[in-house]
N, C-alpha and C. Protein backbone atom coordinates (compact mmCIF):
# COMPACT_ATOMS: atom_id res chain seq x y z
N UNK A 1 -37.28 73.69 188.35
CA UNK A 1 -36.68 74.77 187.77
C UNK A 1 -36.83 74.79 186.19
N UNK A 2 -36.74 73.68 185.57
CA UNK A 2 -36.92 73.46 184.16
C UNK A 2 -38.49 73.85 183.75
N UNK A 3 -39.28 73.56 184.63
CA UNK A 3 -40.74 73.93 184.29
C UNK A 3 -40.85 75.39 184.24
N UNK A 4 -40.26 75.99 185.48
CA UNK A 4 -40.29 77.52 185.50
C UNK A 4 -39.63 78.19 184.39
N UNK A 5 -38.44 77.82 183.96
CA UNK A 5 -37.92 78.45 182.91
C UNK A 5 -38.71 78.16 181.53
N UNK A 6 -39.32 77.15 181.42
CA UNK A 6 -40.07 76.72 180.20
C UNK A 6 -41.44 77.76 180.11
N UNK A 7 -41.98 77.95 181.31
CA UNK A 7 -43.16 78.90 181.42
C UNK A 7 -42.71 80.23 181.10
N UNK A 8 -41.68 80.67 181.64
CA UNK A 8 -41.16 81.95 181.29
C UNK A 8 -40.88 82.13 179.88
N UNK A 9 -40.11 81.25 179.31
CA UNK A 9 -39.87 81.18 177.87
C UNK A 9 -41.21 81.26 176.97
N UNK A 10 -42.31 80.55 177.41
CA UNK A 10 -43.42 80.60 176.73
C UNK A 10 -44.36 81.92 176.83
N UNK A 11 -44.08 82.50 178.04
CA UNK A 11 -44.73 83.84 178.27
C UNK A 11 -44.05 84.85 177.36
N UNK A 12 -42.59 84.82 177.26
CA UNK A 12 -41.84 85.77 176.40
C UNK A 12 -42.36 85.49 174.90
N UNK A 13 -42.43 84.38 174.51
CA UNK A 13 -42.75 83.98 173.12
C UNK A 13 -44.12 84.38 172.74
N UNK A 14 -45.00 84.35 173.77
CA UNK A 14 -46.48 84.61 173.41
C UNK A 14 -46.92 86.13 173.66
N UNK A 15 -46.17 86.86 174.38
CA UNK A 15 -46.54 88.35 174.76
C UNK A 15 -45.74 89.31 173.96
N UNK A 16 -44.39 89.12 173.84
CA UNK A 16 -43.54 90.21 173.23
C UNK A 16 -43.97 90.50 171.88
N UNK A 17 -44.05 89.45 170.82
CA UNK A 17 -44.25 89.82 169.59
C UNK A 17 -45.81 90.42 169.39
N UNK A 18 -46.85 89.96 170.04
CA UNK A 18 -48.20 90.72 169.97
C UNK A 18 -48.03 92.15 170.51
N UNK A 19 -47.36 92.51 171.55
CA UNK A 19 -47.12 93.70 171.99
C UNK A 19 -46.62 94.73 171.08
N UNK A 20 -45.55 94.21 170.32
CA UNK A 20 -44.91 95.02 169.18
C UNK A 20 -45.96 95.13 168.14
N UNK A 21 -46.69 94.10 167.74
CA UNK A 21 -47.61 94.07 166.64
C UNK A 21 -48.63 95.26 166.83
N UNK A 22 -49.19 95.36 168.04
CA UNK A 22 -49.95 96.42 168.49
C UNK A 22 -49.42 97.62 168.05
N UNK A 23 -48.29 98.11 168.36
CA UNK A 23 -47.67 99.40 168.00
C UNK A 23 -47.41 99.59 166.63
N UNK A 24 -47.07 98.38 165.89
CA UNK A 24 -46.84 98.46 164.45
C UNK A 24 -48.17 98.41 163.78
N UNK A 25 -49.28 98.21 164.32
CA UNK A 25 -50.77 98.32 163.79
C UNK A 25 -51.17 99.81 163.93
N UNK A 26 -50.70 100.38 165.10
CA UNK A 26 -51.10 101.73 165.46
C UNK A 26 -50.39 102.84 164.71
N UNK A 27 -49.01 102.90 164.88
CA UNK A 27 -48.11 104.06 164.43
C UNK A 27 -48.31 104.33 162.98
N UNK A 28 -48.19 103.15 161.97
CA UNK A 28 -48.18 103.58 160.65
C UNK A 28 -49.56 104.14 160.11
N UNK A 29 -50.59 103.86 160.85
CA UNK A 29 -51.92 104.21 160.46
C UNK A 29 -52.65 105.15 161.39
N UNK A 30 -51.84 105.95 162.16
CA UNK A 30 -52.31 106.77 163.12
C UNK A 30 -53.32 107.76 162.64
N UNK A 31 -53.13 108.33 161.37
CA UNK A 31 -54.22 109.26 160.83
C UNK A 31 -55.46 108.68 160.86
N UNK A 32 -55.55 107.34 160.39
CA UNK A 32 -56.85 106.72 160.34
C UNK A 32 -57.44 106.44 161.75
N UNK A 33 -56.62 105.75 162.52
CA UNK A 33 -57.03 105.49 163.91
C UNK A 33 -57.57 106.74 164.57
N UNK A 34 -56.99 107.87 164.32
CA UNK A 34 -57.46 109.15 164.99
C UNK A 34 -58.98 109.52 164.51
N UNK A 35 -59.20 109.10 163.27
CA UNK A 35 -60.60 109.31 162.79
C UNK A 35 -61.65 108.51 163.43
N UNK A 36 -61.26 107.22 163.84
CA UNK A 36 -62.22 106.35 164.42
C UNK A 36 -62.22 106.20 165.92
N UNK A 37 -61.09 106.81 166.41
CA UNK A 37 -61.09 106.97 167.89
C UNK A 37 -60.52 105.68 168.79
N UNK A 38 -60.24 105.93 170.02
CA UNK A 38 -59.63 104.84 170.70
C UNK A 38 -60.29 103.57 170.80
N UNK A 39 -61.62 103.72 171.16
CA UNK A 39 -62.39 102.40 171.42
C UNK A 39 -62.61 101.53 170.16
N UNK A 40 -62.88 102.16 169.01
CA UNK A 40 -63.02 101.42 167.78
C UNK A 40 -61.68 100.86 167.37
N UNK A 41 -60.50 101.67 167.59
CA UNK A 41 -59.27 101.16 167.31
C UNK A 41 -58.97 99.97 168.02
N UNK A 42 -59.21 100.01 169.45
CA UNK A 42 -58.89 98.79 170.32
C UNK A 42 -59.72 97.63 169.81
N UNK A 43 -60.96 97.82 169.39
CA UNK A 43 -61.93 96.67 169.05
C UNK A 43 -61.37 95.99 167.74
N UNK A 44 -60.57 96.65 166.96
CA UNK A 44 -60.04 96.13 165.82
C UNK A 44 -58.58 95.62 166.03
N UNK A 45 -57.75 96.19 166.83
CA UNK A 45 -56.36 95.96 167.09
C UNK A 45 -56.12 94.91 168.02
N UNK A 46 -56.86 94.94 169.05
CA UNK A 46 -56.55 94.11 170.28
C UNK A 46 -56.99 92.60 169.92
N UNK A 47 -58.02 92.47 169.22
CA UNK A 47 -58.27 91.05 168.81
C UNK A 47 -57.28 90.48 167.87
N UNK A 48 -56.66 91.35 167.00
CA UNK A 48 -55.67 90.80 166.03
C UNK A 48 -54.33 90.46 166.89
N UNK A 49 -54.06 91.19 167.84
CA UNK A 49 -52.92 90.96 168.75
C UNK A 49 -53.16 89.59 169.63
N UNK A 50 -54.48 89.46 170.11
CA UNK A 50 -54.83 88.33 170.76
C UNK A 50 -54.80 87.10 169.99
N UNK A 51 -55.12 87.14 168.76
CA UNK A 51 -55.21 86.03 167.74
C UNK A 51 -53.58 85.56 167.57
N UNK A 52 -52.76 86.67 167.43
CA UNK A 52 -51.38 86.45 167.22
C UNK A 52 -50.69 85.70 168.35
N UNK A 53 -51.08 86.03 169.53
CA UNK A 53 -50.64 85.43 170.84
C UNK A 53 -51.15 83.96 170.81
N UNK A 54 -52.35 83.81 170.44
CA UNK A 54 -52.97 82.35 170.40
C UNK A 54 -52.14 81.39 169.37
N UNK A 55 -51.75 81.99 168.27
CA UNK A 55 -51.08 81.27 167.28
C UNK A 55 -49.51 81.09 167.68
N UNK A 56 -48.98 82.02 168.45
CA UNK A 56 -47.82 81.84 168.92
C UNK A 56 -47.81 80.64 170.03
N UNK A 57 -48.87 80.58 170.89
CA UNK A 57 -48.92 79.72 171.86
C UNK A 57 -49.16 78.26 171.36
N UNK A 58 -49.81 78.13 170.33
CA UNK A 58 -49.94 76.86 169.71
C UNK A 58 -48.78 76.52 169.09
N UNK A 59 -48.02 77.53 168.50
CA UNK A 59 -46.68 77.08 167.67
C UNK A 59 -45.44 77.28 168.57
N UNK A 60 -45.53 76.88 169.89
CA UNK A 60 -44.45 77.12 170.76
C UNK A 60 -43.50 76.03 170.83
N UNK A 61 -43.47 75.06 169.84
CA UNK A 61 -42.53 74.01 169.54
C UNK A 61 -41.14 74.44 169.64
N UNK A 62 -40.66 75.55 168.92
CA UNK A 62 -39.32 76.03 169.06
C UNK A 62 -38.77 76.44 170.43
N UNK A 63 -39.80 76.82 171.36
CA UNK A 63 -39.36 77.13 172.73
C UNK A 63 -38.87 75.85 173.37
N UNK A 64 -39.59 74.82 173.35
CA UNK A 64 -39.31 73.49 173.96
C UNK A 64 -37.97 72.97 173.24
N UNK A 65 -37.92 73.12 172.05
CA UNK A 65 -36.73 72.59 171.20
C UNK A 65 -35.39 73.17 171.48
N UNK A 66 -35.48 74.46 172.07
CA UNK A 66 -34.22 75.15 172.10
C UNK A 66 -33.76 75.39 173.56
N UNK A 67 -34.14 74.57 174.51
CA UNK A 67 -33.79 74.58 175.87
C UNK A 67 -32.41 74.49 176.08
N UNK A 68 -31.64 75.44 176.62
CA UNK A 68 -30.22 75.32 176.77
C UNK A 68 -29.89 74.96 178.24
N UNK A 69 -30.81 74.65 179.04
CA UNK A 69 -30.51 74.00 180.49
C UNK A 69 -30.44 75.30 181.38
N UNK A 70 -30.54 74.91 182.70
CA UNK A 70 -30.38 75.81 183.81
C UNK A 70 -28.97 76.28 183.77
N UNK A 71 -28.72 77.68 183.81
CA UNK A 71 -27.45 78.25 183.99
C UNK A 71 -27.71 79.23 185.07
N UNK A 72 -27.19 79.08 186.28
CA UNK A 72 -27.53 79.92 187.42
C UNK A 72 -26.78 81.26 187.29
N UNK A 73 -25.68 81.31 186.62
CA UNK A 73 -24.93 82.70 186.49
C UNK A 73 -25.76 83.54 185.52
N UNK A 74 -26.30 82.93 184.47
CA UNK A 74 -27.06 83.68 183.51
C UNK A 74 -28.45 84.08 184.20
N UNK A 75 -29.04 83.17 184.98
CA UNK A 75 -30.26 83.39 185.66
C UNK A 75 -30.19 84.49 186.52
N UNK A 76 -29.13 84.64 187.38
CA UNK A 76 -28.99 85.79 188.24
C UNK A 76 -28.71 87.00 187.50
N UNK A 77 -27.91 87.05 186.49
CA UNK A 77 -27.60 88.20 185.58
C UNK A 77 -28.96 88.78 185.01
N UNK A 78 -29.70 87.66 184.58
CA UNK A 78 -31.09 88.12 183.93
C UNK A 78 -31.97 88.64 184.81
N UNK A 79 -31.92 88.12 186.16
CA UNK A 79 -32.70 88.60 187.27
C UNK A 79 -32.37 90.14 187.45
N UNK A 80 -31.09 90.42 187.45
CA UNK A 80 -30.60 91.76 187.71
C UNK A 80 -31.07 92.80 186.64
N UNK A 81 -30.89 92.26 185.27
CA UNK A 81 -31.50 93.15 184.30
C UNK A 81 -32.93 93.35 184.32
N UNK A 82 -33.77 92.29 184.62
CA UNK A 82 -35.14 92.41 184.86
C UNK A 82 -35.38 93.43 185.98
N UNK A 83 -34.71 93.39 187.10
CA UNK A 83 -34.83 94.40 188.16
C UNK A 83 -34.56 95.76 187.78
N UNK A 84 -33.49 95.97 186.92
CA UNK A 84 -33.08 97.18 186.26
C UNK A 84 -34.26 97.83 185.44
N UNK A 85 -34.95 96.94 184.71
CA UNK A 85 -35.98 97.36 183.88
C UNK A 85 -37.15 97.81 184.71
N UNK A 86 -37.36 97.20 185.74
CA UNK A 86 -38.41 97.53 186.80
C UNK A 86 -38.15 98.98 187.40
N UNK A 87 -36.90 99.21 187.72
CA UNK A 87 -36.50 100.54 188.10
C UNK A 87 -36.80 101.62 187.09
N UNK A 88 -36.55 101.40 185.69
CA UNK A 88 -36.71 102.16 184.60
C UNK A 88 -38.26 102.42 184.60
N UNK A 89 -38.99 101.47 184.59
CA UNK A 89 -40.58 101.55 184.53
C UNK A 89 -41.15 102.27 185.63
N UNK A 90 -40.60 102.22 186.87
CA UNK A 90 -40.99 103.00 188.06
C UNK A 90 -40.82 104.56 187.70
N UNK A 91 -39.56 104.80 187.02
CA UNK A 91 -39.39 106.32 186.59
C UNK A 91 -40.42 106.69 185.61
N UNK A 92 -40.71 105.79 184.70
CA UNK A 92 -41.48 106.17 183.59
C UNK A 92 -42.95 106.50 184.18
N UNK A 93 -43.34 105.59 184.99
CA UNK A 93 -44.76 105.77 185.56
C UNK A 93 -44.86 107.00 186.56
N UNK A 94 -43.79 107.65 186.89
CA UNK A 94 -43.93 108.88 187.62
C UNK A 94 -44.24 110.05 186.58
N UNK A 95 -44.02 109.82 185.28
CA UNK A 95 -44.31 110.86 184.31
C UNK A 95 -45.56 110.59 183.47
N UNK A 96 -45.87 109.15 183.36
CA UNK A 96 -46.95 108.84 182.27
C UNK A 96 -48.14 108.10 183.19
N UNK A 97 -49.22 108.59 182.95
CA UNK A 97 -50.50 107.80 183.45
C UNK A 97 -50.82 106.59 182.61
N UNK A 98 -51.81 105.91 183.07
CA UNK A 98 -52.15 104.63 182.23
C UNK A 98 -52.64 104.97 180.84
N UNK A 99 -53.48 106.08 180.62
CA UNK A 99 -54.02 106.39 179.31
C UNK A 99 -52.83 106.55 178.34
N UNK A 100 -51.90 107.28 178.86
CA UNK A 100 -50.70 107.54 177.90
C UNK A 100 -49.89 106.24 177.66
N UNK A 101 -49.79 105.33 178.76
CA UNK A 101 -49.16 104.21 178.49
C UNK A 101 -49.83 103.31 177.41
N UNK A 102 -51.02 103.42 177.22
CA UNK A 102 -51.81 102.52 176.37
C UNK A 102 -52.02 103.30 175.02
N UNK A 103 -51.44 104.40 174.82
CA UNK A 103 -51.44 105.19 173.52
C UNK A 103 -52.63 106.10 173.37
N UNK A 104 -53.54 106.29 174.37
CA UNK A 104 -54.73 106.92 174.10
C UNK A 104 -54.57 108.38 173.62
N UNK A 105 -53.52 109.12 173.95
CA UNK A 105 -53.38 110.42 173.31
C UNK A 105 -53.05 110.41 171.78
N UNK A 106 -52.19 109.30 171.39
CA UNK A 106 -52.06 109.23 170.05
C UNK A 106 -53.20 108.87 169.23
N UNK A 107 -54.21 108.29 169.80
CA UNK A 107 -55.49 108.00 169.15
C UNK A 107 -56.56 109.00 169.08
N UNK A 108 -56.19 110.15 169.66
CA UNK A 108 -57.15 111.24 169.82
C UNK A 108 -56.69 112.40 168.82
N UNK A 109 -57.57 113.30 168.29
CA UNK A 109 -57.10 114.37 167.53
C UNK A 109 -55.89 115.24 168.01
N UNK A 110 -54.95 115.46 167.42
CA UNK A 110 -53.79 116.15 167.80
C UNK A 110 -54.13 117.55 168.45
N UNK A 111 -55.12 118.10 167.91
CA UNK A 111 -55.54 119.55 168.33
C UNK A 111 -55.91 119.75 169.83
N UNK A 112 -56.13 118.45 170.54
CA UNK A 112 -56.55 118.70 172.01
C UNK A 112 -55.40 119.11 172.75
N UNK A 113 -55.67 120.30 173.52
CA UNK A 113 -54.65 120.99 174.31
C UNK A 113 -54.06 120.00 175.28
N UNK A 114 -54.85 119.30 176.11
CA UNK A 114 -54.31 118.52 177.10
C UNK A 114 -53.38 117.41 176.72
N UNK A 115 -53.31 117.11 175.41
CA UNK A 115 -52.60 116.07 174.83
C UNK A 115 -51.28 116.53 174.20
N UNK A 116 -50.90 117.82 174.40
CA UNK A 116 -49.75 118.31 173.51
C UNK A 116 -48.61 118.72 174.36
N UNK A 117 -48.58 117.94 175.73
CA UNK A 117 -47.43 118.17 176.53
C UNK A 117 -46.24 117.27 176.10
N UNK A 118 -45.15 117.92 175.98
CA UNK A 118 -43.95 117.32 175.37
C UNK A 118 -43.15 116.86 176.89
N UNK A 119 -42.82 115.60 177.07
CA UNK A 119 -42.33 115.13 178.19
C UNK A 119 -40.86 115.48 178.05
N UNK A 120 -40.33 116.26 178.92
CA UNK A 120 -38.73 116.50 179.15
C UNK A 120 -38.09 116.39 180.43
N UNK A 121 -39.04 116.17 181.36
CA UNK A 121 -38.56 116.07 182.82
C UNK A 121 -38.38 114.67 183.26
N UNK A 122 -37.68 114.48 184.38
CA UNK A 122 -37.47 113.17 184.97
C UNK A 122 -36.70 112.25 184.02
N UNK A 123 -36.99 111.01 183.88
CA UNK A 123 -36.34 110.12 183.06
C UNK A 123 -36.22 110.61 181.59
N UNK A 124 -37.41 111.36 181.30
CA UNK A 124 -37.37 111.87 179.70
C UNK A 124 -36.36 112.82 179.59
N UNK A 125 -35.66 113.46 180.66
CA UNK A 125 -34.63 114.30 180.45
C UNK A 125 -33.30 113.69 180.31
N UNK A 126 -33.30 112.33 180.28
CA UNK A 126 -32.16 111.49 180.24
C UNK A 126 -32.04 110.61 178.98
N UNK A 127 -33.33 110.11 178.67
CA UNK A 127 -33.50 109.29 177.49
C UNK A 127 -34.87 109.60 176.84
N UNK A 128 -34.93 109.62 175.45
CA UNK A 128 -36.14 109.92 174.81
C UNK A 128 -37.09 108.65 174.87
N UNK A 129 -36.67 107.54 174.77
CA UNK A 129 -37.54 106.35 174.84
C UNK A 129 -37.26 105.37 175.90
N UNK A 130 -37.55 105.76 177.22
CA UNK A 130 -37.23 104.80 178.20
C UNK A 130 -38.08 103.63 178.29
N UNK A 131 -39.30 103.64 177.68
CA UNK A 131 -40.15 102.40 177.66
C UNK A 131 -39.43 101.42 176.71
N UNK A 132 -38.93 101.70 175.67
CA UNK A 132 -38.17 100.82 174.87
C UNK A 132 -37.07 100.27 175.48
N UNK A 133 -36.24 101.14 176.16
CA UNK A 133 -35.05 100.68 176.88
C UNK A 133 -35.56 99.60 177.98
N UNK A 134 -36.49 100.03 178.71
CA UNK A 134 -36.92 99.05 179.74
C UNK A 134 -37.45 97.71 179.13
N UNK A 135 -38.19 97.74 178.03
CA UNK A 135 -38.67 96.46 177.28
C UNK A 135 -37.48 95.60 176.95
N UNK A 136 -36.51 96.34 176.28
CA UNK A 136 -35.35 95.50 175.78
C UNK A 136 -34.62 94.99 176.93
N UNK A 137 -34.19 95.70 178.03
CA UNK A 137 -33.55 95.23 179.02
C UNK A 137 -34.18 94.12 179.76
N UNK A 138 -35.62 94.32 180.08
CA UNK A 138 -36.44 93.29 180.80
C UNK A 138 -36.49 92.18 180.04
N UNK A 139 -36.65 92.20 178.69
CA UNK A 139 -36.86 90.92 177.79
C UNK A 139 -35.60 90.22 177.82
N UNK A 140 -34.52 90.93 177.66
CA UNK A 140 -33.20 90.25 177.63
C UNK A 140 -32.92 89.50 179.06
N UNK A 141 -33.29 90.11 180.16
CA UNK A 141 -33.22 89.66 181.44
C UNK A 141 -34.03 88.32 181.49
N UNK A 142 -35.39 88.39 181.03
CA UNK A 142 -36.19 87.27 181.17
C UNK A 142 -35.61 86.09 180.21
N UNK A 143 -35.18 86.56 179.12
CA UNK A 143 -34.53 85.50 178.15
C UNK A 143 -33.38 84.86 178.80
N UNK A 144 -32.55 85.47 179.48
CA UNK A 144 -31.39 84.95 180.08
C UNK A 144 -31.83 83.99 181.33
N UNK A 145 -32.94 84.46 182.03
CA UNK A 145 -33.42 83.54 183.08
C UNK A 145 -34.13 82.37 182.49
N UNK A 146 -34.84 82.42 181.50
CA UNK A 146 -35.36 81.29 180.73
C UNK A 146 -34.39 80.34 180.07
N UNK A 147 -33.22 81.12 179.44
CA UNK A 147 -32.23 80.32 178.82
C UNK A 147 -32.69 79.25 177.66
N UNK A 148 -33.59 79.80 176.88
CA UNK A 148 -33.98 79.04 175.65
C UNK A 148 -33.55 79.86 174.38
N UNK A 149 -33.00 79.19 173.34
CA UNK A 149 -32.59 79.74 172.15
C UNK A 149 -33.62 80.70 171.43
N UNK A 150 -34.99 80.13 171.54
CA UNK A 150 -36.03 80.99 171.03
C UNK A 150 -36.10 82.37 171.63
N UNK A 151 -36.03 82.47 172.89
CA UNK A 151 -36.17 83.60 173.49
C UNK A 151 -35.01 84.64 173.23
N UNK A 152 -33.86 84.16 173.13
CA UNK A 152 -32.59 84.86 172.65
C UNK A 152 -32.94 85.44 171.34
N UNK A 153 -33.36 84.60 170.38
CA UNK A 153 -33.81 85.07 169.15
C UNK A 153 -34.81 86.18 169.09
N UNK A 154 -35.72 86.10 169.85
CA UNK A 154 -36.78 87.17 170.08
C UNK A 154 -36.04 88.41 170.67
N UNK A 155 -35.18 88.31 171.54
CA UNK A 155 -34.55 89.50 172.09
C UNK A 155 -33.67 90.19 171.05
N UNK A 156 -33.09 89.33 170.22
CA UNK A 156 -32.28 89.96 169.10
C UNK A 156 -33.31 90.62 168.19
N UNK A 157 -34.41 90.05 167.87
CA UNK A 157 -35.44 90.67 166.81
C UNK A 157 -35.87 92.06 167.60
N UNK A 158 -35.95 92.14 168.71
CA UNK A 158 -36.31 93.49 169.40
C UNK A 158 -35.42 94.71 168.82
N UNK A 159 -34.25 94.39 168.69
CA UNK A 159 -33.48 95.62 168.28
C UNK A 159 -34.04 96.25 166.96
N UNK A 160 -34.14 95.71 165.77
CA UNK A 160 -34.81 96.20 164.66
C UNK A 160 -36.24 96.73 164.98
N UNK A 161 -36.87 95.92 165.73
CA UNK A 161 -38.35 96.29 165.88
C UNK A 161 -38.46 97.72 166.73
N UNK A 162 -37.61 97.76 167.82
CA UNK A 162 -37.64 98.99 168.59
C UNK A 162 -37.05 100.26 167.80
N UNK A 163 -35.96 99.92 166.94
CA UNK A 163 -35.64 100.90 165.99
C UNK A 163 -36.67 101.45 164.96
N UNK A 164 -37.33 100.47 164.55
CA UNK A 164 -38.37 100.88 163.54
C UNK A 164 -39.66 101.63 164.33
N UNK A 165 -39.88 101.33 165.51
CA UNK A 165 -40.88 102.14 166.20
C UNK A 165 -40.55 103.45 166.72
N UNK A 166 -39.20 103.61 166.86
CA UNK A 166 -38.59 104.82 167.24
C UNK A 166 -38.83 105.76 166.05
N UNK A 167 -38.49 105.33 164.91
CA UNK A 167 -38.61 106.12 163.68
C UNK A 167 -40.00 106.46 163.49
N UNK A 168 -41.02 105.56 163.53
CA UNK A 168 -42.37 105.85 163.36
C UNK A 168 -42.84 106.78 164.50
N UNK A 169 -42.55 106.54 165.72
CA UNK A 169 -43.06 107.50 166.84
C UNK A 169 -42.56 108.80 166.77
N UNK A 170 -41.15 109.05 166.38
CA UNK A 170 -40.58 110.27 166.32
C UNK A 170 -41.15 111.02 165.15
N UNK A 171 -41.44 110.40 164.11
CA UNK A 171 -42.14 111.13 162.97
C UNK A 171 -43.41 111.76 163.54
N UNK A 172 -44.31 111.03 164.34
CA UNK A 172 -45.49 111.62 164.83
C UNK A 172 -45.21 112.63 165.83
N UNK A 173 -44.08 112.53 166.56
CA UNK A 173 -43.78 113.63 167.70
C UNK A 173 -43.33 114.83 166.94
N UNK A 174 -42.66 114.78 165.91
CA UNK A 174 -42.13 115.99 165.17
C UNK A 174 -43.29 116.64 164.50
N UNK A 175 -44.28 115.85 164.02
CA UNK A 175 -45.53 116.52 163.45
C UNK A 175 -46.41 117.22 164.75
N UNK A 176 -46.33 116.68 165.78
CA UNK A 176 -47.27 117.19 166.85
C UNK A 176 -46.44 118.42 167.49
N UNK A 177 -45.06 118.25 167.70
CA UNK A 177 -44.51 119.36 168.63
C UNK A 177 -43.48 120.16 167.74
N UNK A 178 -43.18 119.78 166.40
CA UNK A 178 -42.32 120.56 165.63
C UNK A 178 -40.99 120.81 166.10
N UNK A 179 -40.45 122.03 166.03
CA UNK A 179 -39.13 122.54 166.56
C UNK A 179 -38.89 122.16 167.99
N UNK A 180 -39.96 122.25 168.81
CA UNK A 180 -39.61 121.81 170.15
C UNK A 180 -39.18 120.45 170.31
N UNK A 181 -39.64 119.53 169.55
CA UNK A 181 -39.30 118.03 169.57
C UNK A 181 -37.87 117.92 168.88
N UNK A 182 -37.61 118.68 167.82
CA UNK A 182 -36.37 118.54 167.20
C UNK A 182 -35.20 119.04 168.07
N UNK A 183 -35.52 120.09 168.84
CA UNK A 183 -34.61 120.58 169.85
C UNK A 183 -34.36 119.47 170.90
N UNK A 184 -35.28 118.99 171.41
CA UNK A 184 -35.45 117.88 172.38
C UNK A 184 -34.55 116.62 171.90
N UNK A 185 -34.84 116.42 170.64
CA UNK A 185 -34.07 115.29 169.98
C UNK A 185 -32.61 115.45 169.99
N UNK A 186 -32.17 116.78 169.72
CA UNK A 186 -30.78 117.06 169.71
C UNK A 186 -30.01 116.92 171.00
N UNK A 187 -30.85 117.24 172.00
CA UNK A 187 -30.26 117.41 173.38
C UNK A 187 -30.28 115.89 174.23
N UNK A 188 -31.31 115.11 173.82
CA UNK A 188 -31.44 113.90 174.72
C UNK A 188 -31.42 112.64 173.75
N UNK A 189 -30.47 111.68 174.24
CA UNK A 189 -30.20 110.45 173.48
C UNK A 189 -31.54 109.75 173.44
N UNK A 190 -31.66 108.75 172.29
CA UNK A 190 -32.89 107.83 171.96
C UNK A 190 -32.97 106.76 173.02
N UNK A 191 -31.91 106.00 173.24
CA UNK A 191 -32.03 104.82 173.96
C UNK A 191 -31.07 104.65 175.24
N UNK A 192 -29.86 104.88 174.88
CA UNK A 192 -28.81 104.89 175.90
C UNK A 192 -28.87 106.17 176.82
N UNK A 193 -29.22 105.93 178.04
CA UNK A 193 -29.48 107.24 178.94
C UNK A 193 -28.26 108.04 179.13
N UNK A 194 -28.58 109.28 179.19
CA UNK A 194 -27.47 110.26 179.59
C UNK A 194 -27.47 110.36 181.20
N UNK A 195 -26.25 110.19 181.74
CA UNK A 195 -26.13 110.21 183.16
C UNK A 195 -25.57 111.60 183.50
N UNK A 196 -25.60 111.92 184.77
CA UNK A 196 -25.07 113.16 185.27
C UNK A 196 -26.24 114.21 185.41
N UNK A 197 -26.09 115.47 185.31
CA UNK A 197 -27.06 116.42 185.49
C UNK A 197 -27.96 116.42 184.33
N UNK A 198 -29.25 116.30 184.55
CA UNK A 198 -30.36 116.41 183.55
C UNK A 198 -30.86 117.79 183.38
């Protein structure tokens, strides 16, 4: 069990920060990336993220040094959170295709009609950013299952990282959709889902 928890902690340590780095390299410079297009953007951004993952893998010492031991109550609670994140992801995938999940529409000129659809149905009628909700809940669940101090630190770091991405992403969405997005933003909460009739 200790090996499984360590491997899980290393996976968290080496994948979560580069995933967020990807979006922090995309959103602030979206105007530039739109001029070069998706393929050229990925040829620049993905190697940077892979390099970051490699650096984190080599510097995984804090993961081993912060092992808090196997705690079955935390493990099962974490497993439940991870399961909840999978349910949210399944709802997201009903609304988004792979191209959208990888950010392809953001990397194309905003004038393309097929990319101007504002999602307001399904899970997007209950929460504006279900992907960030799923990432946070799933990461917290994995951290609890791994039970390493370093992974809890990363889970805590996700809060400001997610809030920052929401600001950047919503700025883009207001530029693309204008008053339609402002109205949607007033009606639907950002992270904590609205329950009841959507």
